[in-house]
Amino acid sequence: MHLNAYYPVDVVNGPGTRCTLFVSGCEHQCKGCYNQSTWRADSGILFTSEIEDQIIADLNCTRIRRQGLSLSGGDPLHPANLDAVLHLLNRVRNECQGKDVWCWTGYRFGQLTTEQQQVTALIDVLIDGKFEQALASPELPWRGSSNQQVITLNCTK
């Protein structure tokens, strides 16, 4: 997996103060996407065990408390990302007590593959569906267009 950006302190992509990881790779390529630089699965830098360790350390930091982890992109559920995202989320669940996980994907929840469902089993809130420029509104909480759904899957609290 490649990543396009990692923000150890973020207050925009989900509730509270969070760690946010923007992965590379998206086959949806939505018209009007604000993150086109993440479309190619090999864009950005390689996601390493050192970066994964840093995310875990940041989530557990007591100096700047984070509510959780946000995954965006690109698309965290892109086939090229599934193994690395699943490994990261297993570590978050095992090593980061009480942290929530939010994920943005262009895939529809009801159409996920078995492999994608393994990842979403470890996610608390999923924002699904492609960005539709004609349905875009800055008034929508946590999503770019009205066709996208904010789905509560799990609750760590």
C-alpha atoms as a PDB file:
ATOM      1  CA  MET A   1       0.000   0.000   0.000  1.00  0.00           C
ATOM      2  CA  HIS A   2       1.042   3.573  -0.618  1.00  0.00           C
ATOM      3  CA  LEU A   3      -0.014   6.642   1.305  1.00  0.00           C
ATOM      4  CA  ASN A   4      -0.513  10.134   0.041  1.00  0.00           C
ATOM      5  CA  ALA A   5      -0.528  11.918   3.407  1.00  0.00           C
ATOM      6  CA  TYR A   6      -0.649  11.303   7.133  1.00  0.00           C
ATOM      7  CA  TYR A   7      -1.823  13.924   9.622  1.00  0.00           C
ATOM      8  CA  PRO A   8      -1.025  12.977  13.226  1.00  0.00           C
ATOM      9  CA  VAL A   9      -3.305  15.764  14.500  1.00  0.00           C
ATOM     10  CA  ASP A  10      -6.464  16.508  12.497  1.00  0.00           C
ATOM     11  CA  VAL A  11      -9.750  18.157  13.478  1.00  0.00           C
ATOM     12  CA  VAL A  12     -11.459  18.127  10.049  1.00  0.00           C
ATOM     13  CA  ASN A  13     -11.876  14.477   9.011  1.00  0.00           C
ATOM     14  CA  GLY A  14     -14.226  13.137  11.662  1.00  0.00           C
ATOM     15  CA  PRO A  15     -15.242  14.180  15.159  1.00  0.00           C
ATOM     16  CA  GLY A  16     -12.730  15.366  17.737  1.00  0.00           C
ATOM     17  CA  THR A  17      -8.973  15.367  17.359  1.00  0.00           C
ATOM     18  CA  ARG A  18      -7.835  12.461  15.199  1.00  0.00           C
ATOM     19  CA  CYS A  19      -5.056  10.840  13.239  1.00  0.00           C
ATOM     20  CA  THR A  20      -5.888  10.827   9.534  1.00  0.00           C
ATOM     21  CA  LEU A  21      -4.347   8.618   6.870  1.00  0.00           C
ATOM     22  CA  PHE A  22      -4.885   9.323   3.157  1.00  0.00           C
ATOM     23  CA  VAL A  23      -4.077   6.158   1.214  1.00  0.00           C
ATOM     24  CA  SER A  24      -3.348   5.946  -2.508  1.00  0.00           C
ATOM     25  CA  GLY A  25      -5.431   4.041  -5.015  1.00  0.00           C
ATOM     26  CA  CYS A  26      -8.962   4.768  -6.198  1.00  0.00           C
ATOM     27  CA  GLU A  27     -10.752   3.206  -9.130  1.00  0.00           C
ATOM     28  CA  HIS A  28     -13.835   5.460  -8.826  1.00  0.00           C
ATOM     29  CA  GLN A  29     -12.134   8.637 -10.099  1.00  0.00           C
ATOM     30  CA  CYS A  30     -15.155  10.807  -9.337  1.00  0.00           C
ATOM     31  CA  LYS A  31     -15.635  13.988 -11.336  1.00  0.00           C
ATOM     32  CA  GLY A  32     -14.844  16.923  -9.064  1.00  0.00           C
ATOM     33  CA  CYS A  33     -12.733  14.875  -6.648  1.00  0.00           C
ATOM     34  CA  TYR A  34     -10.563  17.161  -4.523  1.00  0.00           C
ATOM     35  CA  ASN A  35      -7.943  14.451  -4.071  1.00  0.00           C
ATOM     36  CA  GLN A  36      -7.092  13.330  -7.605  1.00  0.00           C
ATOM     37  CA  SER A  37      -3.416  12.939  -6.682  1.00  0.00           C
ATOM     38  CA  THR A  38      -4.410   9.800  -4.732  1.00  0.00           C
ATOM     39  CA  TRP A  39      -6.015   7.926  -7.623  1.00  0.00           C
ATOM     40  CA  ARG A  40      -2.960   5.924  -8.685  1.00  0.00           C
ATOM     41  CA  ALA A  41      -2.266   3.036  -6.297  1.00  0.00           C
ATOM     42  CA  ASP A  42       1.472   3.721  -6.490  1.00  0.00           C
ATOM     43  CA  SER A  43       1.315   7.481  -5.858  1.00  0.00           C
ATOM     44  CA  GLY A  44       2.802   8.942  -2.710  1.00  0.00           C
ATOM     45  CA  ILE A  45       5.139   6.896  -0.540  1.00  0.00           C
ATOM     46  CA  LEU A  46       5.229   3.289   0.546  1.00  0.00           C
ATOM     47  CA  PHE A  47       3.307   2.558   3.756  1.00  0.00           C
ATOM     48  CA  THR A  48       5.896   0.995   6.075  1.00  0.00           C
ATOM     49  CA  SER A  49       5.856  -0.704   9.455  1.00  0.00           C
ATOM     50  CA  GLU A  50       7.549   2.428  10.831  1.00  0.00           C
ATOM     51  CA  ILE A  51       4.636   4.583   9.681  1.00  0.00           C
ATOM     52  CA  GLU A  52       2.181   2.073  11.125  1.00  0.00           C
ATOM     53  CA  ASP A  53       4.079   2.143  14.443  1.00  0.00           C
ATOM     54  CA  GLN A  54       3.926   5.950  14.415  1.00  0.00           C
ATOM     55  CA  ILE A  55       0.140   5.909  13.918  1.00  0.00           C
ATOM     56  CA  ILE A  56      -0.265   3.544  16.884  1.00  0.00           C
ATOM     57  CA  ALA A  57       2.023   5.723  19.019  1.00  0.00           C
ATOM     58  CA  ASP A  58       0.132   8.875  18.010  1.00  0.00           C
ATOM     59  CA  LEU A  59      -3.231   7.283  18.845  1.00  0.00           C
ATOM     60  CA  ASN A  60      -1.897   6.325  22.278  1.00  0.00           C
ATOM     61  CA  CYS A  61      -0.227   9.689  22.965  1.00  0.00           C
ATOM     62  CA  THR A  62      -1.463  11.239  26.216  1.00  0.00           C
ATOM     63  CA  ARG A  63      -0.046  14.704  25.507  1.00  0.00           C
ATOM     64  CA  ILE A  64      -2.410  15.234  22.551  1.00  0.00           C
ATOM     65  CA  ARG A  65      -5.374  12.915  23.013  1.00  0.00           C
ATOM     66  CA  ARG A  66      -6.949  11.587  19.842  1.00  0.00           C
ATOM     67  CA  GLN A  67     -10.500  10.298  19.603  1.00  0.00           C
ATOM     68  CA  GLY A  68      -9.585   7.958  16.797  1.00  0.00           C
ATOM     69  CA  LEU A  69      -8.323   7.234  13.315  1.00  0.00           C
ATOM     70  CA  SER A  70      -9.781   8.446  10.020  1.00  0.00           C
ATOM     71  CA  LEU A  71      -9.046   6.617   6.763  1.00  0.00           C
ATOM     72  CA  SER A  72      -9.527   8.386   3.459  1.00  0.00           C
ATOM     73  CA  GLY A  73      -7.782   8.608   0.168  1.00  0.00           C
ATOM     74  CA  GLY A  74      -7.819   7.447  -2.498  1.00  0.00           C
ATOM     75  CA  ASP A  75      -9.925   4.637  -1.193  1.00  0.00           C
ATOM     76  CA  PRO A  76      -9.004   2.542   1.864  1.00  0.00           C
ATOM     77  CA  LEU A  77     -11.148  -0.308   0.479  1.00  0.00           C
ATOM     78  CA  HIS A  78      -9.341  -0.396  -2.889  1.00  0.00           C
ATOM     79  CA  PRO A  79      -8.142  -3.981  -3.449  1.00  0.00           C
ATOM     80  CA  ALA A  80      -4.483  -2.892  -3.338  1.00  0.00           C
ATOM     81  CA  ASN A  81      -5.005  -1.477   0.173  1.00  0.00           C
ATOM     82  CA  LEU A  82      -7.023  -4.172   1.909  1.00  0.00           C
ATOM     83  CA  ASP A  83      -4.210  -6.228   3.462  1.00  0.00           C
ATOM     84  CA  ALA A  84      -2.356  -3.232   4.896  1.00  0.00           C
ATOM     85  CA  VAL A  85      -5.520  -1.505   6.123  1.00  0.00           C
ATOM     86  CA  LEU A  86      -6.741  -4.721   7.747  1.00  0.00           C
ATOM     87  CA  HIS A  87      -3.389  -5.170   9.501  1.00  0.00           C
ATOM     88  CA  LEU A  88      -3.414  -1.550  10.711  1.00  0.00           C
ATOM     89  CA  LEU A  89      -6.991  -1.781  12.003  1.00  0.00           C
ATOM     90  CA  ASN A  90      -6.289  -5.031  13.854  1.00  0.00           C
ATOM     91  CA  ARG A  91      -3.438  -3.247  15.613  1.00  0.00           C
ATOM     92  CA  VAL A  92      -5.639  -0.236  16.414  1.00  0.00           C
ATOM     93  CA  ARG A  93      -8.283  -2.527  17.933  1.00  0.00           C
ATOM     94  CA  ASN A  94      -5.691  -4.490  19.935  1.00  0.00           C
ATOM     95  CA  GLU A  95      -3.381  -1.667  21.009  1.00  0.00           C
ATOM     96  CA  CYS A  96      -5.438   1.529  21.141  1.00  0.00           C
ATOM     97  CA  GLN A  97      -8.144   1.178  23.750  1.00  0.00           C
ATOM     98  CA  GLY A  98     -11.373   3.099  23.077  1.00  0.00           C
ATOM     99  CA  LYS A  99     -10.385   4.713  19.779  1.00  0.00           C
ATOM    100  CA  ASP A 100     -12.959   4.944  17.023  1.00  0.00           C
ATOM    101  CA  VAL A 101     -12.286   4.402  13.317  1.00  0.00           C
ATOM    102  CA  TRP A 102     -13.952   6.361  10.518  1.00  0.00           C
ATOM    103  CA  CYS A 103     -13.524   5.425   6.853  1.00  0.00           C
ATOM    104  CA  TRP A 104     -14.490   7.077   3.572  1.00  0.00           C
ATOM    105  CA  THR A 105     -14.999   4.848   0.524  1.00  0.00           C
ATOM    106  CA  GLY A 106     -16.522   5.156  -2.922  1.00  0.00           C
ATOM    107  CA  TYR A 107     -17.861   1.615  -2.688  1.00  0.00           C
ATOM    108  CA  ARG A 108     -21.433   1.006  -1.523  1.00  0.00           C
ATOM    109  CA  PHE A 109     -21.758  -0.822   1.783  1.00  0.00           C
ATOM    110  CA  GLY A 110     -24.252  -3.353   0.405  1.00  0.00           C
ATOM    111  CA  GLN A 111     -21.930  -4.282  -2.468  1.00  0.00           C
ATOM    112  CA  LEU A 112     -18.668  -4.885  -0.592  1.00  0.00           C
ATOM    113  CA  THR A 113     -16.602  -7.998  -1.268  1.00  0.00           C
ATOM    114  CA  THR A 114     -15.840 -10.490   1.485  1.00  0.00           C
ATOM    115  CA  GLU A 115     -12.341  -8.999   1.811  1.00  0.00           C
ATOM    116  CA  GLN A 116     -13.730  -5.464   2.129  1.00  0.00           C
ATOM    117  CA  GLN A 117     -16.224  -6.666   4.735  1.00  0.00           C
ATOM    118  CA  GLN A 118     -13.333  -7.993   6.841  1.00  0.00           C
ATOM    119  CA  VAL A 119     -12.036  -4.422   6.991  1.00  0.00           C
ATOM    120  CA  THR A 120     -15.414  -2.806   7.676  1.00  0.00           C
ATOM    121  CA  ALA A 121     -15.924  -5.216  10.580  1.00  0.00           C
ATOM    122  CA  LEU A 122     -13.232  -3.151  12.347  1.00  0.00           C
ATOM    123  CA  ILE A 123     -14.695   0.264  11.440  1.00  0.00           C
ATOM    124  CA  ASP A 124     -17.094   2.282  13.569  1.00  0.00           C
ATOM    125  CA  VAL A 125     -18.393   4.728  10.959  1.00  0.00           C
ATOM    126  CA  LEU A 126     -18.326   4.235   7.193  1.00  0.00           C
ATOM    127  CA  ILE A 127     -19.097   6.991   4.708  1.00  0.00           C
ATOM    128  CA  ASP A 128     -19.913   5.153   1.505  1.00  0.00           C
ATOM    129  CA  GLY A 129     -20.644   5.981  -2.106  1.00  0.00           C
ATOM    130  CA  LYS A 130     -18.956   7.870  -4.887  1.00  0.00           C
ATOM    131  CA  PHE A 131     -18.746  11.648  -4.748  1.00  0.00           C
ATOM    132  CA  GLU A 132     -21.399  13.072  -7.102  1.00  0.00           C
ATOM    133  CA  GLN A 133     -20.570  16.640  -8.059  1.00  0.00           C
ATOM    134  CA  ALA A 134     -24.196  17.417  -8.988  1.00  0.00           C
ATOM    135  CA  LEU A 135     -25.258  16.415  -5.448  1.00  0.00           C
ATOM    136  CA  ALA A 136     -22.410  18.191  -3.651  1.00  0.00           C
ATOM    137  CA  SER A 137     -23.078  20.500  -0.721  1.00  0.00           C
ATOM    138  CA  PRO A 138     -20.751  22.033   1.867  1.00  0.00           C
ATOM    139  CA  GLU A 139     -23.638  21.799   4.355  1.00  0.00           C
ATOM    140  CA  LEU A 140     -23.501  17.994   4.580  1.00  0.00           C
ATOM    141  CA  PRO A 141     -21.774  16.701   7.719  1.00  0.00           C
ATOM    142  CA  TRP A 142     -18.879  14.322   7.004  1.00  0.00           C
ATOM    143  CA  ARG A 143     -19.717  13.780   3.332  1.00  0.00           C
ATOM    144  CA  GLY A 144     -19.337  15.651   0.070  1.00  0.00           C
ATOM    145  CA  SER A 145     -22.553  14.752  -1.741  1.00  0.00           C
ATOM    146  CA  SER A 146     -26.057  13.795  -0.648  1.00  0.00           C
ATOM    147  CA  ASN A 147     -25.952  10.316  -2.211  1.00  0.00           C
ATOM    148  CA  GLN A 148     -23.249   9.286   0.262  1.00  0.00           C
ATOM    149  CA  GLN A 149     -24.341   7.611   3.481  1.00  0.00           C
ATOM    150  CA  VAL A 150     -22.897   7.942   6.978  1.00  0.00           C
ATOM    151  CA  ILE A 151     -23.289   4.436   8.398  1.00  0.00           C
ATOM    152  CA  THR A 152     -22.639   3.551  12.031  1.00  0.00           C
ATOM    153  CA  LEU A 153     -21.235   0.010  12.053  1.00  0.00           C
ATOM    154  CA  ASN A 154     -19.660  -0.475  15.472  1.00  0.00           C
ATOM    155  CA  CYS A 155     -19.445   1.543  18.625  1.00  0.00           C
ATOM    156  CA  THR A 156     -16.285   1.470  20.745  1.00  0.00           C
ATOM    157  CA  LYS A 157     -17.681   3.801  23.398  1.00  0.00           C
END
